[in-house]
Amino acid sequence: MRIIAGEWRRRPLVAPQGDTTRPTADRTRETLFSMLTSRLGTFEGLCVADLFAGSGALGLEALSRGAERCMFVEQDAAALRALRKNIANLRAAPQCDVRAGSVLQLGKATAPLDLIVMDPPYDTGAGAVALDKLNRLGWIAPATWISIETSRNEDIAVKGFTHESSRDVGKARLHILRPE
């Protein structure tokens, strides 16, 4: 695994030990960020959340491309170790807020986010559940973009959100959503 583009381009990332976490493949991440770039134009100054963060590859990719800060939420101990190591290796700590725990434990937002990227466990519906809760807690504004990675056979439908686009890449399906 590596950073695809930006300030940290080609820098390696470590993946968590074990098989609990499924890191987003470089090709899938490249496709996702191409989809997001065509909609956002730039990542400069964005406040991002990487939920079900694993190694943090999605959030670190956004920071490498110019995002201002990123909140990472992960509950698996091995994934948290890999995430913290990746942040340290990139010297990205000042831009990062790492929260150990479940996405569903997040409280009320102090400010909404510009971009939310999620890679929940496949075929669980966890992305839709998390999105609904984040919306009720004020993490999402009318201008927020949301990306959820699922398995190829899983669709996302959450009341109050428009499905902007989907793309299949390998075993993954990438969904881009917007608040209605």
N, C-alpha and C. Protein backbone atom coordinates (compact mmCIF):
# COMPACT_ATOMS: atom_id res chain seq x y z
N MET A 1 0.85 -1.19 0.00
CA MET A 1 0.00 0.00 0.00
C MET A 1 0.88 1.24 0.00
N ARG A 2 0.38 2.27 -0.67
CA ARG A 2 1.12 3.51 -0.76
C ARG A 2 0.16 4.68 -0.94
N ILE A 3 0.66 5.89 -0.72
CA ILE A 3 -0.10 7.10 -1.03
C ILE A 3 -0.04 7.28 -2.55
N ILE A 4 -1.16 7.59 -3.17
CA ILE A 4 -1.26 7.67 -4.62
C ILE A 4 -0.75 9.00 -5.17
N ALA A 5 -1.14 10.12 -4.54
CA ALA A 5 -0.82 11.44 -5.11
C ALA A 5 -0.63 12.47 -4.00
N GLY A 6 -0.12 13.62 -4.40
CA GLY A 6 0.02 14.73 -3.47
C GLY A 6 1.38 14.79 -2.82
N GLU A 7 1.43 15.48 -1.69
CA GLU A 7 2.68 15.73 -0.95
C GLU A 7 3.42 14.46 -0.59
N TRP A 8 2.69 13.41 -0.22
CA TRP A 8 3.31 12.16 0.23
C TRP A 8 3.28 11.08 -0.84
N ARG A 9 3.13 11.45 -2.09
CA ARG A 9 3.03 10.50 -3.19
C ARG A 9 4.12 9.43 -3.10
N ARG A 10 3.70 8.20 -3.32
CA ARG A 10 4.56 7.00 -3.32
C ARG A 10 5.08 6.60 -1.93
N ARG A 11 4.72 7.32 -0.89
CA ARG A 11 5.17 6.93 0.45
C ARG A 11 4.40 5.67 0.86
N PRO A 12 5.10 4.69 1.44
CA PRO A 12 4.43 3.44 1.82
C PRO A 12 3.56 3.60 3.06
N LEU A 13 2.56 2.75 3.15
CA LEU A 13 1.69 2.68 4.32
C LEU A 13 1.73 1.25 4.84
N VAL A 14 1.66 1.10 6.15
CA VAL A 14 1.60 -0.24 6.73
C VAL A 14 0.14 -0.63 6.91
N ALA A 15 -0.13 -1.91 6.73
CA ALA A 15 -1.47 -2.45 6.92
C ALA A 15 -1.53 -3.12 8.29
N PRO A 16 -2.70 -3.18 8.89
CA PRO A 16 -2.83 -3.86 10.18
C PRO A 16 -2.51 -5.35 10.06
N GLN A 17 -1.95 -5.91 11.12
CA GLN A 17 -1.69 -7.34 11.17
C GLN A 17 -3.02 -8.08 11.30
N GLY A 18 -3.06 -9.30 10.79
CA GLY A 18 -4.26 -10.12 10.93
C GLY A 18 -5.23 -9.92 9.78
N ASP A 19 -6.39 -10.56 9.89
CA ASP A 19 -7.37 -10.49 8.81
C ASP A 19 -8.66 -9.79 9.22
N THR A 20 -8.63 -9.07 10.34
CA THR A 20 -9.82 -8.35 10.80
C THR A 20 -10.12 -7.16 9.91
N THR A 21 -9.07 -6.51 9.42
CA THR A 21 -9.22 -5.30 8.61
C THR A 21 -8.90 -5.62 7.16
N ARG A 22 -9.67 -5.02 6.24
CA ARG A 22 -9.48 -5.19 4.82
C ARG A 22 -9.10 -3.84 4.22
N PRO A 23 -7.80 -3.56 4.07
CA PRO A 23 -7.39 -2.25 3.54
C PRO A 23 -7.89 -2.03 2.12
N THR A 24 -8.25 -0.78 1.82
CA THR A 24 -8.67 -0.42 0.47
C THR A 24 -7.47 -0.53 -0.46
N ALA A 25 -7.62 -1.29 -1.52
CA ALA A 25 -6.53 -1.49 -2.49
C ALA A 25 -6.16 -0.17 -3.16
N ASP A 26 -4.88 -0.07 -3.57
CA ASP A 26 -4.41 1.14 -4.23
C ASP A 26 -5.28 1.50 -5.44
N ARG A 27 -5.62 0.52 -6.25
CA ARG A 27 -6.42 0.78 -7.45
C ARG A 27 -7.81 1.33 -7.08
N THR A 28 -8.41 0.76 -6.04
CA THR A 28 -9.72 1.22 -5.60
C THR A 28 -9.62 2.64 -5.06
N ARG A 29 -8.58 2.91 -4.28
CA ARG A 29 -8.38 4.26 -3.72
C ARG A 29 -8.14 5.27 -4.84
N GLU A 30 -7.36 4.88 -5.84
CA GLU A 30 -7.10 5.77 -6.97
C GLU A 30 -8.40 6.11 -7.71
N THR A 31 -9.25 5.11 -7.92
CA THR A 31 -10.55 5.34 -8.57
C THR A 31 -11.42 6.26 -7.73
N LEU A 32 -11.48 6.00 -6.42
CA LEU A 32 -12.28 6.83 -5.53
C LEU A 32 -11.83 8.28 -5.59
N PHE A 33 -10.54 8.52 -5.48
CA PHE A 33 -10.06 9.90 -5.45
C PHE A 33 -10.20 10.58 -6.80
N SER A 34 -10.20 9.83 -7.87
CA SER A 34 -10.51 10.39 -9.18
C SER A 34 -11.97 10.84 -9.23
N MET A 35 -12.87 10.00 -8.70
CA MET A 35 -14.29 10.35 -8.63
C MET A 35 -14.50 11.61 -7.78
N LEU A 36 -13.83 11.66 -6.63
CA LEU A 36 -13.99 12.81 -5.74
C LEU A 36 -13.38 14.08 -6.34
N THR A 37 -12.23 13.97 -6.96
CA THR A 37 -11.58 15.14 -7.56
C THR A 37 -12.45 15.74 -8.65
N SER A 38 -13.11 14.90 -9.44
CA SER A 38 -13.97 15.43 -10.50
C SER A 38 -15.16 16.20 -9.94
N ARG A 39 -15.52 15.93 -8.69
CA ARG A 39 -16.64 16.63 -8.07
C ARG A 39 -16.19 17.80 -7.20
N LEU A 40 -15.10 17.61 -6.47
CA LEU A 40 -14.62 18.63 -5.53
C LEU A 40 -13.68 19.64 -6.19
N GLY A 41 -12.96 19.20 -7.19
CA GLY A 41 -11.95 20.05 -7.81
C GLY A 41 -10.64 19.99 -7.06
N THR A 42 -10.69 20.27 -5.78
CA THR A 42 -9.49 20.27 -4.94
C THR A 42 -9.86 19.80 -3.54
N PHE A 43 -8.86 19.34 -2.82
CA PHE A 43 -9.04 18.93 -1.44
C PHE A 43 -8.52 20.01 -0.49
N GLU A 44 -7.97 21.08 -1.05
CA GLU A 44 -7.36 22.15 -0.26
C GLU A 44 -8.33 22.66 0.80
N GLY A 45 -7.87 22.64 2.05
CA GLY A 45 -8.61 23.22 3.16
C GLY A 45 -9.79 22.41 3.67
N LEU A 46 -10.02 21.23 3.14
CA LEU A 46 -11.18 20.44 3.56
C LEU A 46 -10.99 19.82 4.94
N CYS A 47 -12.09 19.69 5.66
CA CYS A 47 -12.14 18.94 6.91
C CYS A 47 -12.76 17.59 6.58
N VAL A 48 -12.00 16.52 6.84
CA VAL A 48 -12.35 15.19 6.39
C VAL A 48 -12.49 14.24 7.58
N ALA A 49 -13.33 13.23 7.44
CA ALA A 49 -13.39 12.13 8.40
C ALA A 49 -13.17 10.83 7.65
N ASP A 50 -12.30 9.99 8.19
CA ASP A 50 -12.06 8.65 7.68
C ASP A 50 -12.64 7.70 8.72
N LEU A 51 -13.80 7.14 8.43
CA LEU A 51 -14.53 6.30 9.38
C LEU A 51 -14.34 4.83 9.04
N PHE A 52 -14.27 3.99 10.07
CA PHE A 52 -13.86 2.60 9.89
C PHE A 52 -12.48 2.66 9.23
N ALA A 53 -11.59 3.46 9.82
CA ALA A 53 -10.36 3.94 9.17
C ALA A 53 -9.33 2.86 8.86
N GLY A 54 -9.27 1.79 9.61
CA GLY A 54 -8.23 0.80 9.35
C GLY A 54 -6.85 1.43 9.40
N SER A 55 -6.09 1.31 8.33
CA SER A 55 -4.73 1.87 8.25
C SER A 55 -4.73 3.38 8.09
N GLY A 56 -5.89 3.96 7.80
CA GLY A 56 -5.99 5.40 7.58
C GLY A 56 -5.66 5.82 6.16
N ALA A 57 -5.56 4.87 5.24
CA ALA A 57 -5.15 5.17 3.87
C ALA A 57 -6.04 6.23 3.19
N LEU A 58 -7.34 6.17 3.41
CA LEU A 58 -8.24 7.13 2.75
C LEU A 58 -8.03 8.54 3.29
N GLY A 59 -8.02 8.69 4.60
CA GLY A 59 -7.83 10.01 5.19
C GLY A 59 -6.45 10.57 4.92
N LEU A 60 -5.43 9.72 4.95
CA LEU A 60 -4.06 10.18 4.67
C LEU A 60 -3.91 10.58 3.21
N GLU A 61 -4.61 9.90 2.33
CA GLU A 61 -4.62 10.29 0.91
C GLU A 61 -5.22 11.69 0.76
N ALA A 62 -6.32 11.95 1.46
CA ALA A 62 -6.94 13.28 1.41
C ALA A 62 -5.99 14.35 1.95
N LEU A 63 -5.31 14.06 3.07
CA LEU A 63 -4.34 15.01 3.62
C LEU A 63 -3.19 15.25 2.65
N SER A 64 -2.71 14.20 2.02
CA SER A 64 -1.62 14.33 1.05
C SER A 64 -2.01 15.24 -0.09
N ARG A 65 -3.31 15.25 -0.43
CA ARG A 65 -3.81 16.06 -1.54
C ARG A 65 -4.23 17.47 -1.11
N GLY A 66 -4.00 17.81 0.17
CA GLY A 66 -4.24 19.18 0.59
C GLY A 66 -5.33 19.41 1.62
N ALA A 67 -6.01 18.36 2.08
CA ALA A 67 -7.02 18.56 3.12
C ALA A 67 -6.36 19.17 4.35
N GLU A 68 -7.11 19.98 5.07
CA GLU A 68 -6.58 20.69 6.24
C GLU A 68 -6.39 19.78 7.44
N ARG A 69 -7.42 18.94 7.68
CA ARG A 69 -7.34 18.05 8.83
C ARG A 69 -8.22 16.84 8.58
N CYS A 70 -7.96 15.78 9.36
CA CYS A 70 -8.75 14.56 9.22
C CYS A 70 -8.97 13.92 10.59
N MET A 71 -10.20 13.53 10.83
CA MET A 71 -10.55 12.76 12.01
C MET A 71 -10.63 11.29 11.57
N PHE A 72 -9.90 10.44 12.27
CA PHE A 72 -9.89 9.01 11.99
C PHE A 72 -10.63 8.30 13.12
N VAL A 73 -11.56 7.42 12.79
CA VAL A 73 -12.28 6.65 13.80
C VAL A 73 -12.10 5.17 13.48
N GLU A 74 -11.56 4.45 14.46
CA GLU A 74 -11.29 3.02 14.31
C GLU A 74 -11.36 2.37 15.68
N GLN A 75 -11.89 1.14 15.74
CA GLN A 75 -11.99 0.46 17.03
C GLN A 75 -11.08 -0.76 17.16
N ASP A 76 -10.58 -1.31 16.08
CA ASP A 76 -9.73 -2.49 16.15
C ASP A 76 -8.31 -2.10 16.60
N ALA A 77 -7.78 -2.81 17.60
CA ALA A 77 -6.48 -2.46 18.18
C ALA A 77 -5.34 -2.57 17.16
N ALA A 78 -5.32 -3.62 16.36
CA ALA A 78 -4.24 -3.78 15.36
C ALA A 78 -4.33 -2.67 14.31
N ALA A 79 -5.54 -2.33 13.90
CA ALA A 79 -5.71 -1.25 12.92
C ALA A 79 -5.27 0.09 13.51
N LEU A 80 -5.59 0.33 14.77
CA LEU A 80 -5.16 1.57 15.43
C LEU A 80 -3.64 1.68 15.49
N ARG A 81 -2.96 0.57 15.76
CA ARG A 81 -1.49 0.58 15.77
C ARG A 81 -0.95 0.95 14.39
N ALA A 82 -1.50 0.34 13.33
CA ALA A 82 -1.06 0.64 11.96
C ALA A 82 -1.36 2.09 11.61
N LEU A 83 -2.55 2.56 11.96
CA LEU A 83 -2.94 3.94 11.70
C LEU A 83 -1.98 4.92 12.36
N ARG A 84 -1.72 4.71 13.63
CA ARG A 84 -0.81 5.61 14.36
C ARG A 84 0.61 5.57 13.79
N LYS A 85 1.04 4.40 13.36
CA LYS A 85 2.36 4.28 12.75
C LYS A 85 2.41 5.04 11.42
N ASN A 86 1.37 4.92 10.62
CA ASN A 86 1.33 5.64 9.34
C ASN A 86 1.34 7.15 9.56
N ILE A 87 0.58 7.62 10.53
CA ILE A 87 0.56 9.05 10.84
C ILE A 87 1.94 9.52 11.28
N ALA A 88 2.59 8.74 12.14
CA ALA A 88 3.94 9.09 12.62
C ALA A 88 4.94 9.10 11.47
N ASN A 89 4.90 8.07 10.62
CA ASN A 89 5.84 7.98 9.50
C ASN A 89 5.71 9.16 8.54
N LEU A 90 4.50 9.68 8.39
CA LEU A 90 4.26 10.81 7.49
C LEU A 90 4.41 12.16 8.20
N ARG A 91 4.64 12.11 9.51
CA ARG A 91 4.71 13.32 10.34
C ARG A 91 3.45 14.17 10.18
N ALA A 92 2.32 13.49 10.21
CA ALA A 92 1.03 14.13 9.97
C ALA A 92 0.24 14.40 11.24
N ALA A 93 0.79 14.12 12.41
CA ALA A 93 0.05 14.22 13.67
C ALA A 93 -0.67 15.56 13.87
N PRO A 94 -0.06 16.72 13.53
CA PRO A 94 -0.77 17.97 13.76
C PRO A 94 -2.09 18.11 12.99
N GLN A 95 -2.24 17.35 11.92
CA GLN A 95 -3.45 17.43 11.10
C GLN A 95 -4.46 16.33 11.42
N CYS A 96 -4.13 15.47 12.38
CA CYS A 96 -4.93 14.27 12.62
C CYS A 96 -5.55 14.24 14.01
N ASP A 97 -6.77 13.75 14.06
CA ASP A 97 -7.50 13.51 15.29
C ASP A 97 -7.91 12.04 15.26
N VAL A 98 -7.22 11.21 16.03
CA VAL A 98 -7.49 9.77 16.04
C VAL A 98 -8.42 9.47 17.21
N ARG A 99 -9.54 8.84 16.91
CA ARG A 99 -10.51 8.46 17.94
C ARG A 99 -10.65 6.94 17.96
N ALA A 100 -10.27 6.35 19.07
CA ALA A 100 -10.35 4.90 19.24
C ALA A 100 -11.74 4.54 19.73
N GLY A 101 -12.48 3.85 18.92
CA GLY A 101 -13.83 3.45 19.29
C GLY A 101 -14.70 3.29 18.06
N SER A 102 -15.95 3.00 18.31
CA SER A 102 -16.91 2.79 17.24
C SER A 102 -17.37 4.12 16.65
N VAL A 103 -17.63 4.11 15.37
CA VAL A 103 -18.21 5.28 14.70
C VAL A 103 -19.53 5.65 15.37
N LEU A 104 -20.27 4.66 15.83
CA LEU A 104 -21.57 4.90 16.44
C LEU A 104 -21.47 5.53 17.82
N GLN A 105 -20.26 5.64 18.38
CA GLN A 105 -20.06 6.30 19.68
C GLN A 105 -19.76 7.79 19.53
N LEU A 106 -19.62 8.28 18.31
CA LEU A 106 -19.36 9.70 18.14
C LEU A 106 -20.53 10.51 18.68
N GLY A 107 -20.19 11.60 19.35
CA GLY A 107 -21.22 12.48 19.89
C GLY A 107 -21.60 13.56 18.89
N LYS A 108 -22.27 14.57 19.40
CA LYS A 108 -22.72 15.69 18.58
C LYS A 108 -21.52 16.44 18.01
N ALA A 109 -21.62 16.84 16.76
CA ALA A 109 -20.54 17.55 16.07
C ALA A 109 -20.45 19.00 16.53
N THR A 110 -19.23 19.52 16.59
CA THR A 110 -19.05 20.95 16.84
C THR A 110 -19.13 21.73 15.54
N ALA A 111 -18.81 21.06 14.44
CA ALA A 111 -18.92 21.66 13.10
C ALA A 111 -19.07 20.52 12.09
N PRO A 112 -19.83 20.74 11.01
CA PRO A 112 -19.97 19.68 10.01
C PRO A 112 -18.68 19.49 9.22
N LEU A 113 -18.58 18.35 8.58
CA LEU A 113 -17.42 17.99 7.77
C LEU A 113 -17.66 18.31 6.30
N ASP A 114 -16.56 18.47 5.56
CA ASP A 114 -16.65 18.69 4.12
C ASP A 114 -16.71 17.38 3.35
N LEU A 115 -15.99 16.37 3.85
CA LEU A 115 -15.90 15.08 3.17
C LEU A 115 -15.84 13.97 4.22
N ILE A 116 -16.63 12.92 4.00
CA ILE A 116 -16.61 11.74 4.84
C ILE A 116 -16.32 10.55 3.95
N VAL A 117 -15.27 9.80 4.30
CA VAL A 117 -14.95 8.57 3.58
C VAL A 117 -15.10 7.41 4.55
N MET A 118 -15.82 6.38 4.11
CA MET A 118 -16.08 5.23 4.97
C MET A 118 -15.75 3.94 4.23
N ASP A 119 -15.13 3.04 4.95
CA ASP A 119 -14.86 1.70 4.44
C ASP A 119 -15.28 0.70 5.51
N PRO A 120 -16.60 0.58 5.74
CA PRO A 120 -17.08 -0.33 6.79
C PRO A 120 -16.94 -1.78 6.37
N PRO A 121 -17.09 -2.70 7.33
CA PRO A 121 -17.08 -4.12 6.97
C PRO A 121 -18.14 -4.40 5.89
N TYR A 122 -17.77 -5.19 4.91
CA TYR A 122 -18.67 -5.52 3.80
C TYR A 122 -19.91 -6.28 4.28
N ASP A 123 -21.01 -6.04 3.59
CA ASP A 123 -22.26 -6.78 3.76
C ASP A 123 -22.83 -6.73 5.17
N THR A 124 -22.62 -5.61 5.87
CA THR A 124 -23.15 -5.45 7.22
C THR A 124 -24.20 -4.34 7.32
N GLY A 125 -24.22 -3.44 6.34
CA GLY A 125 -25.10 -2.28 6.41
C GLY A 125 -24.58 -1.22 7.36
N ALA A 126 -23.36 -1.39 7.88
CA ALA A 126 -22.81 -0.45 8.87
C ALA A 126 -22.64 0.96 8.31
N GLY A 127 -22.33 1.08 7.04
CA GLY A 127 -22.16 2.41 6.43
C GLY A 127 -23.45 3.21 6.46
N ALA A 128 -24.55 2.58 6.10
CA ALA A 128 -25.85 3.26 6.10
C ALA A 128 -26.26 3.65 7.52
N VAL A 129 -26.05 2.77 8.47
CA VAL A 129 -26.39 3.06 9.87
C VAL A 129 -25.56 4.24 10.37
N ALA A 130 -24.26 4.20 10.10
CA ALA A 130 -23.38 5.29 10.53
C ALA A 130 -23.77 6.61 9.88
N LEU A 131 -24.08 6.59 8.60
CA LEU A 131 -24.45 7.81 7.89
C LEU A 131 -25.71 8.44 8.48
N ASP A 132 -26.70 7.63 8.76
CA ASP A 132 -27.93 8.13 9.36
C ASP A 132 -27.65 8.79 10.71
N LYS A 133 -26.84 8.15 11.54
CA LYS A 133 -26.53 8.70 12.86
C LYS A 133 -25.72 9.99 12.74
N LEU A 134 -24.71 10.00 11.87
CA LEU A 134 -23.88 11.21 11.69
C LEU A 134 -24.73 12.39 11.23
N ASN A 135 -25.70 12.13 10.40
CA ASN A 135 -26.59 13.18 9.92
C ASN A 135 -27.40 13.77 11.07
N ARG A 136 -27.93 12.91 11.94
CA ARG A 136 -28.72 13.38 13.08
C ARG A 136 -27.87 14.14 14.10
N LEU A 137 -26.54 13.85 14.15
CA LEU A 137 -25.66 14.49 15.13
C LEU A 137 -24.96 15.74 14.60
N GLY A 138 -25.27 16.16 13.39
CA GLY A 138 -24.74 17.41 12.86
C GLY A 138 -23.38 17.33 12.18
N TRP A 139 -22.90 16.13 11.86
CA TRP A 139 -21.61 15.98 11.19
C TRP A 139 -21.71 16.29 9.70
N ILE A 140 -22.93 16.34 9.19
CA ILE A 140 -23.15 16.50 7.75
C ILE A 140 -23.90 17.79 7.48
N ALA A 141 -23.36 18.58 6.55
CA ALA A 141 -23.98 19.83 6.10
C ALA A 141 -24.51 19.61 4.68
N PRO A 142 -25.28 20.57 4.15
CA PRO A 142 -25.78 20.41 2.77
C PRO A 142 -24.67 20.25 1.72
N ALA A 143 -23.48 20.76 2.00
CA ALA A 143 -22.38 20.69 1.02
C ALA A 143 -21.44 19.50 1.25
N THR A 144 -21.72 18.66 2.24
CA THR A 144 -20.84 17.52 2.55
C THR A 144 -20.93 16.45 1.47
N TRP A 145 -19.77 15.93 1.08
CA TRP A 145 -19.69 14.78 0.17
C TRP A 145 -19.41 13.54 1.02
N ILE A 146 -20.02 12.41 0.65
CA ILE A 146 -19.85 11.17 1.39
C ILE A 146 -19.47 10.05 0.42
N SER A 147 -18.46 9.29 0.80
CA SER A 147 -18.06 8.11 0.03
C SER A 147 -18.16 6.91 0.94
N ILE A 148 -18.80 5.85 0.44
CA ILE A 148 -18.90 4.60 1.19
C ILE A 148 -18.47 3.47 0.27
N GLU A 149 -17.51 2.67 0.74
CA GLU A 149 -17.09 1.48 0.01
C GLU A 149 -17.84 0.28 0.55
N THR A 150 -18.42 -0.50 -0.36
CA THR A 150 -19.12 -1.72 0.02
C THR A 150 -18.64 -2.86 -0.88
N SER A 151 -19.18 -4.04 -0.63
CA SER A 151 -18.92 -5.14 -1.56
C SER A 151 -19.70 -4.85 -2.85
N ARG A 152 -19.34 -5.52 -3.89
CA ARG A 152 -19.96 -5.30 -5.21
C ARG A 152 -21.46 -5.54 -5.22
N ASN A 153 -21.94 -6.42 -4.36
CA ASN A 153 -23.37 -6.75 -4.37
C ASN A 153 -24.17 -5.97 -3.34
N GLU A 154 -23.57 -4.99 -2.70
CA GLU A 154 -24.25 -4.23 -1.64
C GLU A 154 -24.56 -2.82 -2.14
N ASP A 155 -25.80 -2.40 -1.93
CA ASP A 155 -26.20 -1.04 -2.28
C ASP A 155 -26.43 -0.24 -1.01
N ILE A 156 -26.41 1.07 -1.16
CA ILE A 156 -26.61 1.98 -0.03
C ILE A 156 -27.84 2.84 -0.31
N ALA A 157 -28.76 2.85 0.62
CA ALA A 157 -29.93 3.72 0.53
C ALA A 157 -30.19 4.26 1.94
N VAL A 158 -30.04 5.57 2.10
CA VAL A 158 -30.27 6.21 3.39
C VAL A 158 -31.22 7.39 3.16
N LYS A 159 -32.29 7.42 3.93
CA LYS A 159 -33.27 8.50 3.81
C LYS A 159 -32.56 9.84 4.01
N GLY A 160 -32.85 10.79 3.12
CA GLY A 160 -32.27 12.12 3.21
C GLY A 160 -31.00 12.29 2.39
N PHE A 161 -30.59 11.24 1.67
CA PHE A 161 -29.37 11.31 0.86
C PHE A 161 -29.65 10.89 -0.57
N THR A 162 -29.00 11.58 -1.49
CA THR A 162 -29.09 11.27 -2.92
C THR A 162 -27.87 10.48 -3.32
N HIS A 163 -28.10 9.44 -4.07
CA HIS A 163 -27.02 8.61 -4.58
C HIS A 163 -26.48 9.30 -5.83
N GLU A 164 -25.31 9.87 -5.73
CA GLU A 164 -24.70 10.64 -6.82
C GLU A 164 -24.07 9.74 -7.89
N SER A 165 -23.37 8.69 -7.44
CA SER A 165 -22.65 7.85 -8.39
C SER A 165 -22.19 6.57 -7.71
N SER A 166 -21.99 5.51 -8.50
CA SER A 166 -21.39 4.26 -8.03
C SER A 166 -20.42 3.77 -9.09
N ARG A 167 -19.41 3.08 -8.62
CA ARG A 167 -18.47 2.46 -9.56
C ARG A 167 -17.93 1.18 -8.93
N ASP A 168 -17.92 0.12 -9.72
CA ASP A 168 -17.37 -1.16 -9.27
C ASP A 168 -15.88 -1.21 -9.62
N VAL A 169 -15.07 -1.61 -8.62
CA VAL A 169 -13.63 -1.78 -8.81
C VAL A 169 -13.23 -3.06 -8.10
N GLY A 170 -12.86 -4.07 -8.85
CA GLY A 170 -12.53 -5.36 -8.24
C GLY A 170 -13.72 -5.90 -7.47
N LYS A 171 -13.50 -6.24 -6.19
CA LYS A 171 -14.57 -6.77 -5.34
C LYS A 171 -15.37 -5.66 -4.67
N ALA A 172 -14.96 -4.41 -4.87
CA ALA A 172 -15.57 -3.27 -4.17
C ALA A 172 -16.55 -2.51 -5.06
N ARG A 173 -17.49 -1.85 -4.41
CA ARG A 173 -18.36 -0.87 -5.06
C ARG A 173 -18.20 0.44 -4.30
N LEU A 174 -17.88 1.50 -5.03
CA LEU A 174 -17.71 2.83 -4.44
C LEU A 174 -18.99 3.62 -4.67
N HIS A 175 -19.51 4.20 -3.61
CA HIS A 175 -20.74 5.00 -3.67
C HIS A 175 -20.40 6.44 -3.28
N ILE A 176 -20.88 7.40 -4.04
CA ILE A 176 -20.77 8.81 -3.69
C ILE A 176 -22.18 9.31 -3.42
N LEU A 177 -22.37 9.90 -2.23
CA LEU A 177 -23.69 10.39 -1.83
C LEU A 177 -23.61 11.86 -1.44
N ARG A 178 -24.75 12.52 -1.49
CA ARG A 178 -24.92 13.91 -1.05
C ARG A 178 -26.19 14.02 -0.24
N PRO A 179 -26.22 14.95 0.72
CA PRO A 179 -27.49 15.19 1.41
C PRO A 179 -28.51 15.77 0.43
N GLU A 180 -29.79 15.43 0.63
CA GLU A 180 -30.83 15.97 -0.25
C GLU A 180 -31.09 17.41 0.05
